[in-house]
């Protein structure tokens, strides 16, 4: 039982739970930003990869047509 003056958590005691809470909030914000940018973890989870491939195929086809016309 605490018999001293004041509460035992006065002083430096509350700083650790506050630091932990701030750390948790920062981590949650970072994870939310990471997944809202559709990058996923380690670059996985891109949803527009198919569109990138379709664009590349269109560019290659136009280059092939240009080469055929040049011959």
N, C-alpha and C. Protein backbone atom coordinates (compact mmCIF):
# COMPACT_ATOMS: atom_id res chain seq x y z
N UNK A 1 0.84 -1.17 0.00
CA UNK A 1 0.00 0.00 0.00
C UNK A 1 0.89 1.24 0.00
N UNK A 2 0.44 2.29 -0.66
CA UNK A 2 1.22 3.52 -0.79
C UNK A 2 0.89 4.47 0.35
N UNK A 3 1.92 4.84 1.15
CA UNK A 3 1.70 5.71 2.28
C UNK A 3 2.38 7.07 2.11
N UNK A 4 3.03 7.28 0.96
CA UNK A 4 3.74 8.53 0.74
C UNK A 4 2.79 9.66 0.35
N UNK A 5 3.41 10.80 0.10
CA UNK A 5 2.63 11.98 -0.29
C UNK A 5 2.29 11.89 -1.76
N UNK A 6 1.05 12.03 -2.11
CA UNK A 6 0.62 12.00 -3.50
C UNK A 6 0.45 10.59 -4.03
N UNK A 7 0.10 10.53 -5.26
CA UNK A 7 -0.13 9.25 -5.93
C UNK A 7 1.20 8.67 -6.40
N UNK A 8 1.38 7.35 -6.39
CA UNK A 8 2.66 6.78 -6.81
C UNK A 8 2.94 6.97 -8.30
N UNK A 9 1.95 7.26 -9.10
CA UNK A 9 2.17 7.44 -10.53
C UNK A 9 2.51 8.88 -10.89
N UNK A 10 2.54 9.78 -9.95
CA UNK A 10 2.94 11.15 -10.25
C UNK A 10 4.43 11.17 -10.55
N UNK A 11 4.83 11.99 -11.44
CA UNK A 11 6.24 12.05 -11.82
C UNK A 11 6.44 11.45 -13.20
N UNK A 12 7.40 10.54 -13.35
CA UNK A 12 7.73 9.96 -14.65
C UNK A 12 6.91 8.73 -14.98
N UNK A 13 6.10 8.28 -14.08
CA UNK A 13 5.33 7.05 -14.30
C UNK A 13 4.38 7.10 -15.48
N UNK A 14 3.59 8.15 -15.66
CA UNK A 14 2.61 8.16 -16.76
C UNK A 14 3.23 8.35 -18.14
N UNK A 15 4.51 8.68 -18.21
CA UNK A 15 5.10 8.96 -19.52
C UNK A 15 5.18 7.70 -20.38
N UNK A 16 5.38 6.53 -19.79
CA UNK A 16 5.52 5.30 -20.57
C UNK A 16 4.21 4.86 -21.22
N UNK A 17 3.08 4.89 -20.51
CA UNK A 17 1.83 4.57 -21.21
C UNK A 17 1.49 5.59 -22.29
N UNK A 18 1.83 6.85 -22.07
CA UNK A 18 1.56 7.88 -23.08
C UNK A 18 2.44 7.64 -24.30
N UNK A 19 3.71 7.33 -24.09
CA UNK A 19 4.60 7.03 -25.22
C UNK A 19 4.12 5.80 -25.98
N UNK A 20 3.65 4.80 -25.27
CA UNK A 20 3.12 3.60 -25.93
C UNK A 20 1.88 3.91 -26.75
N UNK A 21 1.02 4.75 -26.21
CA UNK A 21 -0.20 5.14 -26.93
C UNK A 21 0.16 5.92 -28.19
N UNK A 22 1.10 6.84 -28.09
CA UNK A 22 1.52 7.61 -29.25
C UNK A 22 2.14 6.69 -30.30
N UNK A 23 2.97 5.74 -29.86
CA UNK A 23 3.58 4.79 -30.79
C UNK A 23 2.51 3.97 -31.52
N UNK A 24 1.49 3.53 -30.79
CA UNK A 24 0.42 2.75 -31.42
C UNK A 24 -0.33 3.59 -32.44
N UNK A 25 -0.63 4.84 -32.13
CA UNK A 25 -1.34 5.71 -33.05
C UNK A 25 -0.50 5.94 -34.31
N UNK A 26 0.81 6.18 -34.14
CA UNK A 26 1.68 6.38 -35.30
C UNK A 26 1.71 5.14 -36.17
N UNK A 27 1.80 3.96 -35.57
CA UNK A 27 1.83 2.73 -36.35
C UNK A 27 0.52 2.50 -37.10
N UNK A 28 -0.60 2.79 -36.47
CA UNK A 28 -1.90 2.63 -37.13
C UNK A 28 -2.00 3.58 -38.31
N UNK A 29 -1.56 4.81 -38.15
CA UNK A 29 -1.61 5.78 -39.25
C UNK A 29 -0.70 5.33 -40.40
N UNK A 30 0.48 4.82 -40.08
CA UNK A 30 1.39 4.36 -41.13
C UNK A 30 0.80 3.18 -41.90
N UNK A 31 0.21 2.24 -41.20
CA UNK A 31 -0.40 1.09 -41.87
C UNK A 31 -1.58 1.54 -42.73
N UNK A 32 -2.40 2.45 -42.22
CA UNK A 32 -3.54 2.95 -42.98
C UNK A 32 -3.07 3.64 -44.26
N UNK A 33 -2.03 4.47 -44.16
CA UNK A 33 -1.52 5.16 -45.34
C UNK A 33 -0.92 4.18 -46.34
N UNK A 34 -0.24 3.15 -45.83
CA UNK A 34 0.40 2.18 -46.71
C UNK A 34 -0.67 1.44 -47.53
N UNK A 35 -1.75 1.02 -46.89
CA UNK A 35 -2.76 0.26 -47.61
C UNK A 35 -3.72 1.15 -48.38
N UNK A 36 -3.85 2.43 -48.01
CA UNK A 36 -4.73 3.30 -48.78
C UNK A 36 -4.08 3.72 -50.09
N UNK A 37 -2.75 3.67 -50.17
CA UNK A 37 -2.06 3.97 -51.42
C UNK A 37 -2.02 2.78 -52.35
N UNK A 38 -2.65 1.70 -51.99
CA UNK A 38 -2.74 0.48 -52.78
C UNK A 38 -1.38 -0.11 -53.09
N UNK A 39 -0.42 0.09 -52.20
CA UNK A 39 0.90 -0.50 -52.44
C UNK A 39 1.04 -1.82 -51.71
N UNK A 40 0.24 -2.04 -50.68
CA UNK A 40 0.34 -3.28 -49.94
C UNK A 40 1.64 -3.37 -49.18
N UNK A 41 2.02 -4.57 -48.83
CA UNK A 41 3.27 -4.76 -48.10
C UNK A 41 4.35 -5.16 -49.09
N UNK A 42 5.48 -4.52 -49.03
CA UNK A 42 6.64 -4.80 -49.88
C UNK A 42 6.29 -4.65 -51.35
N UNK A 43 5.37 -3.77 -51.68
CA UNK A 43 5.03 -3.52 -53.07
C UNK A 43 3.98 -4.46 -53.63
N UNK A 44 3.54 -5.45 -52.87
CA UNK A 44 2.50 -6.35 -53.36
C UNK A 44 1.15 -5.67 -53.26
N UNK A 45 0.21 -6.16 -54.02
CA UNK A 45 -1.15 -5.67 -53.91
C UNK A 45 -1.47 -4.53 -54.85
N UNK A 46 -0.64 -4.30 -55.89
CA UNK A 46 -0.99 -3.24 -56.84
C UNK A 46 -2.17 -3.72 -57.66
N UNK A 47 -3.22 -2.89 -57.71
CA UNK A 47 -4.41 -3.28 -58.45
C UNK A 47 -4.36 -2.82 -59.90
N UNK A 48 -3.47 -1.91 -60.23
CA UNK A 48 -3.41 -1.41 -61.59
C UNK A 48 -2.29 -2.06 -62.41
N UNK A 49 -1.79 -3.19 -61.97
CA UNK A 49 -0.73 -3.87 -62.70
C UNK A 49 -1.24 -4.37 -64.06
N UNK A 50 -2.49 -4.81 -64.12
CA UNK A 50 -3.07 -5.27 -65.37
C UNK A 50 -3.16 -4.11 -66.35
N UNK A 51 -3.55 -2.94 -65.86
CA UNK A 51 -3.64 -1.77 -66.73
C UNK A 51 -2.26 -1.39 -67.27
N UNK A 52 -1.24 -1.50 -66.44
CA UNK A 52 0.12 -1.22 -66.89
C UNK A 52 0.53 -2.17 -68.01
N UNK A 53 0.20 -3.44 -67.85
CA UNK A 53 0.55 -4.43 -68.88
C UNK A 53 -0.22 -4.17 -70.17
N UNK A 54 -1.50 -3.82 -70.07
CA UNK A 54 -2.29 -3.51 -71.27
C UNK A 54 -1.72 -2.30 -72.00
N UNK A 55 -1.30 -1.30 -71.25
CA UNK A 55 -0.70 -0.11 -71.85
C UNK A 55 0.60 -0.47 -72.57
N UNK A 56 1.40 -1.32 -71.95
CA UNK A 56 2.66 -1.73 -72.56
C UNK A 56 2.42 -2.52 -73.85
N UNK A 57 1.40 -3.38 -73.85
CA UNK A 57 1.07 -4.16 -75.06
C UNK A 57 0.63 -3.22 -76.17
N UNK A 58 -0.20 -2.21 -75.83
CA UNK A 58 -0.63 -1.24 -76.85
C UNK A 58 0.56 -0.50 -77.44
N UNK A 59 1.50 -0.11 -76.59
CA UNK A 59 2.69 0.60 -77.09
C UNK A 59 3.53 -0.30 -78.00
N UNK A 60 3.68 -1.55 -77.61
CA UNK A 60 4.45 -2.47 -78.45
C UNK A 60 3.77 -2.71 -79.80
N UNK A 61 2.44 -2.82 -79.78
CA UNK A 61 1.72 -3.01 -81.05
C UNK A 61 1.87 -1.79 -81.95
N UNK A 62 1.84 -0.61 -81.37
CA UNK A 62 2.01 0.59 -82.20
C UNK A 62 3.43 0.65 -82.76
N UNK A 63 4.42 0.22 -82.01
CA UNK A 63 5.79 0.18 -82.52
C UNK A 63 5.92 -0.84 -83.65
N UNK A 64 5.25 -1.98 -83.52
CA UNK A 64 5.28 -3.00 -84.58
C UNK A 64 4.66 -2.45 -85.84
N UNK A 65 3.53 -1.76 -85.71
CA UNK A 65 2.87 -1.17 -86.88
C UNK A 65 3.76 -0.13 -87.54
N UNK A 66 4.45 0.67 -86.73
CA UNK A 66 5.35 1.68 -87.29
C UNK A 66 6.51 1.03 -88.03
N UNK A 67 7.03 -0.08 -87.49
CA UNK A 67 8.11 -0.79 -88.19
C UNK A 67 7.63 -1.43 -89.49
N UNK A 68 6.39 -1.94 -89.51
CA UNK A 68 5.86 -2.54 -90.73
C UNK A 68 5.66 -1.49 -91.81
N UNK A 69 5.22 -0.31 -91.42
CA UNK A 69 5.03 0.77 -92.39
C UNK A 69 6.35 1.30 -92.92
N UNK A 70 7.40 1.20 -92.12
CA UNK A 70 8.71 1.70 -92.53
C UNK A 70 9.36 0.79 -93.58
N UNK A 71 8.97 -0.47 -93.62
CA UNK A 71 9.57 -1.42 -94.59
C UNK A 71 9.04 -1.24 -95.96
